[in-house]
Structure formats: structure tokens, C-alpha cells
Protein backbone atom coordinates (compact mmCIF):
# COMPACT_ATOMS: atom_id res chain seq x y z
CA MET A 1 -33.03 -35.14 10.05
CA ARG A 2 -32.42 -33.06 6.91
CA ARG A 3 -35.52 -30.98 7.65
CA LEU A 4 -34.42 -30.56 11.26
CA GLY A 5 -30.95 -29.42 10.13
CA MET A 6 -32.48 -26.85 7.78
CA VAL A 7 -34.72 -25.54 10.54
CA LEU A 8 -31.84 -25.27 13.00
CA GLY A 9 -29.66 -23.52 10.41
CA PHE A 10 -32.40 -21.00 9.70
CA ALA A 11 -32.92 -20.45 13.42
CA VAL A 12 -29.20 -19.80 14.00
CA ALA A 13 -29.04 -17.37 11.07
CA SER A 14 -32.12 -15.56 12.40
CA VAL A 15 -30.50 -15.18 15.81
CA LEU A 16 -27.29 -13.82 14.29
CA PHE A 17 -29.05 -11.19 12.22
CA ALA A 18 -31.43 -10.30 15.04
CA GLY A 19 -28.46 -9.83 17.33
CA GLY A 20 -26.92 -7.33 14.93
CA ILE A 21 -23.94 -9.45 13.89
CA ALA A 22 -22.66 -8.22 10.52
CA PHE A 23 -20.57 -10.14 8.04
CA ALA A 24 -17.80 -8.16 6.36
CA ALA A 25 -18.20 -7.62 2.63
CA SER A 26 -15.32 -7.24 0.21
CA ALA A 27 -15.68 -6.16 -3.41
CA ALA A 28 -15.22 -8.95 -5.97
CA ILE A 29 -14.03 -7.30 -9.19
CA THR A 30 -13.71 -9.36 -12.36
CA GLY A 31 -11.70 -8.49 -15.47
CA THR A 32 -12.77 -10.42 -18.55
CA GLY A 33 -11.38 -11.46 -21.91
CA SER A 34 -13.56 -8.80 -23.54
CA ASP A 35 -11.54 -6.16 -21.66
CA THR A 36 -14.38 -5.09 -19.37
CA PHE A 37 -15.07 -5.11 -15.63
CA THR A 38 -17.99 -7.34 -14.59
CA GLY A 39 -19.68 -8.38 -11.36
CA GLY A 40 -20.65 -4.90 -10.25
CA THR A 41 -23.96 -3.06 -10.22
CA GLY A 42 -25.39 -0.18 -12.27
CA ASP A 43 -24.07 0.81 -15.69
CA PRO A 44 -22.23 -2.23 -17.20
CA SER A 45 -19.78 0.13 -18.93
CA HIS A 46 -18.93 1.75 -15.57
CA PRO A 47 -19.99 -0.68 -12.81
CA THR A 48 -19.99 0.01 -9.09
CA TYR A 49 -18.55 -2.42 -6.53
CA SER A 50 -19.22 -2.28 -2.79
CA THR A 51 -16.85 -3.09 0.05
CA ASP A 52 -16.83 -2.52 3.81
CA GLN A 53 -14.21 -0.39 5.53
CA GLY A 54 -11.11 -2.36 6.51
CA GLU A 55 -11.50 -4.98 3.77
CA VAL A 56 -9.06 -5.83 0.96
CA SER A 57 -11.04 -6.03 -2.27
CA GLN A 58 -10.21 -8.74 -4.81
CA LEU A 59 -9.55 -8.65 -8.54
CA THR A 60 -10.13 -11.87 -10.49
CA VAL A 61 -8.96 -12.04 -14.11
CA THR A 62 -10.67 -14.55 -16.40
CA GLY A 63 -9.09 -13.44 -19.66
CA SER A 64 -6.56 -10.98 -21.09
CA SER A 65 -4.31 -8.96 -18.72
CA HIS A 66 -5.78 -6.45 -16.27
CA ASN A 67 -5.17 -4.42 -13.15
CA VAL A 68 -7.05 -2.16 -10.76
CA THR A 69 -5.61 1.34 -10.36
CA ALA A 70 -7.24 4.17 -8.39
CA ARG A 71 -7.43 7.52 -10.14
CA GLN A 72 -6.65 9.33 -6.88
CA ASN A 73 -3.17 9.25 -5.38
CA GLY A 74 -2.47 8.28 -1.80
CA PRO A 75 -0.04 9.71 0.78
CA ASP A 76 2.84 7.79 -0.82
CA GLY A 77 2.29 9.59 -4.15
CA SER A 78 1.15 6.40 -5.91
CA ALA A 79 -2.38 5.21 -6.71
CA LEU A 80 -4.59 5.20 -3.59
CA PHE A 81 -5.26 1.49 -4.15
CA ARG A 82 -3.84 -0.82 -6.80
CA THR A 83 -2.97 -4.30 -8.01
CA PRO A 84 -0.19 -5.56 -10.23
CA THR A 85 -1.19 -6.45 -13.80
CA ILE A 86 -2.16 -10.13 -13.87
CA SER A 87 -3.11 -12.45 -16.75
CA GLY A 88 -5.21 -14.83 -14.69
CA GLY A 89 -6.08 -15.74 -11.12
CA THR A 90 -6.80 -13.38 -8.24
CA ALA A 91 -4.94 -10.47 -6.65
CA GLY A 92 -5.79 -8.41 -3.59
CA VAL A 93 -6.50 -4.75 -4.27
CA GLN A 94 -4.03 -3.37 -1.76
CA GLY A 95 -4.95 -0.03 -0.24
CA THR A 96 -8.71 -0.54 0.00
CA GLN A 97 -8.31 -1.61 3.64
CA TYR A 98 -7.33 1.98 4.54
CA LEU A 99 -10.27 3.74 2.86
CA THR A 100 -13.05 5.57 4.66
CA THR A 101 -16.67 5.71 3.51
CA GLY A 102 -17.11 7.19 0.05
CA PHE A 103 -16.90 6.66 -3.71
CA TYR A 104 -13.54 6.03 -5.39
CA GLU A 105 -12.95 5.87 -9.15
CA PHE A 106 -10.60 3.29 -10.65
CA TYR A 107 -9.61 1.85 -14.01
CA CYS A 108 -7.35 -0.67 -15.73
CA THR A 109 -4.22 1.02 -17.06
CA VAL A 110 -3.93 -1.62 -19.80
CA HIS A 111 -7.45 -0.91 -21.12
CA PRO A 112 -8.34 2.59 -19.85
CA ALA A 113 -11.01 3.24 -22.49
CA THR A 114 -13.17 0.18 -21.74
CA MET A 115 -12.38 -0.60 -18.11
CA GLN A 116 -13.54 2.14 -15.76
CA ALA A 117 -15.46 1.60 -12.53
CA THR A 118 -16.30 2.91 -9.06
CA LEU A 119 -15.59 1.44 -5.63
CA LEU A 120 -18.17 2.27 -2.97
CA VAL A 121 -16.85 1.92 0.59
CA THR A 122 -19.79 1.49 2.94
CA ALA A 123 -20.14 2.76 6.51
CA ASN A 124 -19.76 -0.78 7.84
CA GLY A 125 -16.50 -1.89 9.45
CA THR A 126 -13.47 0.15 10.46
CA PRO A 127 -10.57 1.28 8.24
CA GLN A 128 -7.19 -0.19 9.04
CA ALA A 129 -4.52 2.25 10.18
CA ARG A 130 -2.08 3.22 7.46
CA PRO A 131 1.53 2.10 7.98
CA SER A 132 3.81 4.79 9.37
CA ALA A 133 7.38 5.10 10.57
CA THR A 134 9.85 7.51 12.12
CA LEU A 135 13.53 7.74 11.14
CA SER A 136 16.59 8.68 13.12
CA VAL A 137 20.02 8.99 11.50
CA ARG A 138 22.51 7.49 13.94
CA SER A 139 25.70 8.16 11.99
CA LYS A 140 27.83 11.10 13.18
CA LYS A 141 31.22 10.79 11.50
CA LEU A 142 31.89 11.68 7.86
CA ALA A 143 34.78 9.27 7.53
CA LYS A 144 32.73 6.33 8.77
CA VAL A 145 29.77 7.19 6.56
CA SER A 146 32.00 7.33 3.46
CA LYS A 147 33.30 3.84 4.18
CA LYS A 148 30.29 2.02 5.64
CA GLY A 149 27.22 4.09 4.73
CA ILE A 150 24.59 5.91 6.79
CA LEU A 151 23.12 4.05 9.75
CA VAL A 152 19.41 4.69 10.23
CA ALA A 153 17.05 3.61 13.01
CA VAL A 154 13.53 2.93 11.73
CA THR A 155 10.56 2.67 14.09
CA ALA A 156 7.55 1.23 12.24
CA SER A 157 3.94 1.15 13.44
CA THR A 158 3.38 -2.26 11.85
CA THR A 159 5.14 -4.66 9.50
CA VAL A 160 5.92 -2.75 6.31
CA ASP A 161 7.12 -4.28 3.03
CA GLY A 162 8.52 -2.64 -0.09
CA VAL A 163 10.14 0.31 1.69
CA SER A 164 12.88 2.31 -0.03
CA LEU A 165 15.39 4.61 1.66
CA THR A 166 16.99 7.57 -0.11
CA ALA A 167 19.93 9.47 1.36
CA LYS A 168 20.58 13.05 0.23
CA LEU A 169 23.09 15.82 0.69
CA GLY A 170 20.99 18.87 0.05
CA LYS A 171 19.03 18.00 -3.11
CA THR A 172 21.63 15.51 -4.36
CA THR A 173 20.98 11.79 -3.90
CA ILE A 174 24.06 10.11 -2.42
CA GLY A 175 22.70 6.63 -1.68
CA LYS A 176 19.69 4.33 -1.96
CA ALA A 177 18.38 1.08 -0.51
CA GLY A 178 15.20 -0.52 -1.88
CA GLY A 179 12.89 -3.50 -1.47
CA LEU A 180 13.20 -3.40 2.32
CA SER A 181 10.90 -4.94 4.93
CA PHE A 182 10.62 -3.69 8.51
CA ALA A 183 8.90 -5.40 11.41
CA ALA A 184 6.81 -3.43 13.88
CA GLY A 185 9.03 -1.64 16.37
CA GLN A 186 12.58 -0.41 15.90
CA THR A 187 15.08 -1.86 13.46
CA SER A 188 18.26 -0.51 11.90
CA GLN A 189 19.35 -0.26 8.28
CA THR A 190 22.51 0.98 6.58
CA VAL A 191 22.22 3.01 3.38
CA LYS A 192 25.36 2.51 1.29
CA LEU A 193 26.62 5.54 -0.59
CA SER A 194 27.08 5.53 -4.34
CA LYS A 195 30.48 6.36 -5.80
CA ALA A 196 29.13 9.79 -6.74
CA GLY A 197 27.79 10.16 -3.21
CA ARG A 198 31.17 9.43 -1.65
CA ASN A 199 32.76 11.97 -3.98
CA LYS A 200 30.24 14.59 -2.83
CA LEU A 201 31.33 14.12 0.78
CA LYS A 202 35.02 13.90 -0.03
CA GLY A 203 37.01 16.77 1.42
CA LYS A 204 34.14 18.14 3.52
CA GLN A 205 34.69 18.96 7.18
CA LYS A 206 30.99 18.79 7.97
CA ALA A 207 27.75 18.01 6.18
CA THR A 208 24.03 17.68 6.89
CA VAL A 209 22.49 14.56 5.36
CA SER A 210 18.88 13.39 5.25
CA VAL A 211 17.35 9.95 4.75
CA THR A 212 13.77 9.57 3.56
CA ALA A 213 11.72 6.36 3.76
CA ASP A 214 9.07 5.88 1.07
CA ILE A 215 6.39 3.73 2.72
CA PRO A 216 3.80 2.00 0.51
CA PHE A 217 0.31 3.40 1.30
CA GLY A 218 1.76 5.64 4.04
CA ALA A 219 3.31 9.08 4.28
CA PRO A 220 7.09 9.36 3.75
CA ALA A 221 9.30 9.77 6.83
CA THR A 222 12.57 11.69 7.00
CA GLY A 223 15.47 11.87 9.44
CA LYS A 224 18.44 14.27 9.39
CA ALA A 225 21.85 14.47 11.01
CA LYS A 226 24.94 16.67 10.97
CA LEU A 227 28.13 14.80 10.17
CA THR A 228 31.56 15.98 11.26
């Protein structure tokens, strides 16, 4: 029976590979107590890790405190892919799921001299679409904005976490809202004005305000409105 099971298992695997079925591969990056990256290929002092398009790579820390930080910035102005600094366990390398085929350099910001590596994204798989959103400022009245804040309609392409909204009058910031999460579709959010922001609007008969959403791993989105 054991021999039969082994034969059947081999036969099934042969059929899968013959039929062209591919199994997604995600890079397994390990940070060690000796402050080095291991588990990759090539030069041990600068290893290379492979992942398929659309996959979230993984960082496992077995000693010390490490992170993965891309050297290249993404559309949000932060590292193209990154993890928090962890002192043990595993963290997903967020941002790798959006990458297209190519080579991407990364390092550990805690140990930049000894922990440098390359991520190779293969031609297998399909990159996930980056999160995006559009903004529309719904507020129209200065008096109401000064009391209750700026009402914004946000239409997101997918669920987005960690969004921040910044309201400005010209180049001056008049209000902020951070740590926001938006579901796919349209939702609304009110950006409360700071005391300084309310003072900026005080006495004005009209004003043009803008609200910008900073979207992790996506391009910022801005909406404007004239208040009277």
C-alpha cells in the first residue's frame, strides 16, 4: 500500500507538471543573530532571493532585530517594499506583490553595512494592482467647515489601510486625519481643522482648499473645492 501510494503520488505530480501547472514561489528571507541575510543564492554577503510576480515575500528573524527595506522608493514616496523592524518571528514584505519582473536591491536599515541583498522577481505570475483612490471634497460652506471640518468622499479601488488625509489652504496645512482604513468603493471621511487652520479661514469670504490622501504603496490622490 505504501509503495502504491508513492507511485500514485509521483504519477499525480507528473501529470501536474506535464500539464503546465505552476506553483507560486515567494522569497523566504532570513535575518540572523550574526546580522546577515541567509537563505538566498550567490554571494553570501549579498544574496539573491527569488519570488514570482504577485507574491508577498516573507522575512523571518532568528536573532537580533532586522527589517527589509527597498533602496528604491515607490509611488507613495516610501520604500518600494518594506517590513517593520522585528526581533523574532515572521513578517510579510509588503509591496513585493506589486512588482514586475526585474532585480530590486534591499537592505536592513538597522545593519546596513552587513545586510544587503537583491530580490529577483521572475516572469511567473501576475503583479497585483496597486491600491488607488479618487477624492472629492463635498464641503461648500466656510462656516460649516470651520465648525465641523472638511467632508471628503473617497472612492478606493480596493481595501486600503494606513491612509492619511491632509487638508491645505494654499501651502498651509489646516487639518489632518491619519491611520484610516477605506473599503473598496465610496466612503466618506471628515478632516477636522486644527486651531491654526480655523484661524487661517477666519474672516475669509471665500477660500480654495485641497485634501490629499497618502495611500500606502499607491500614488497620492487630491481633491479640491471652493468654499464660500
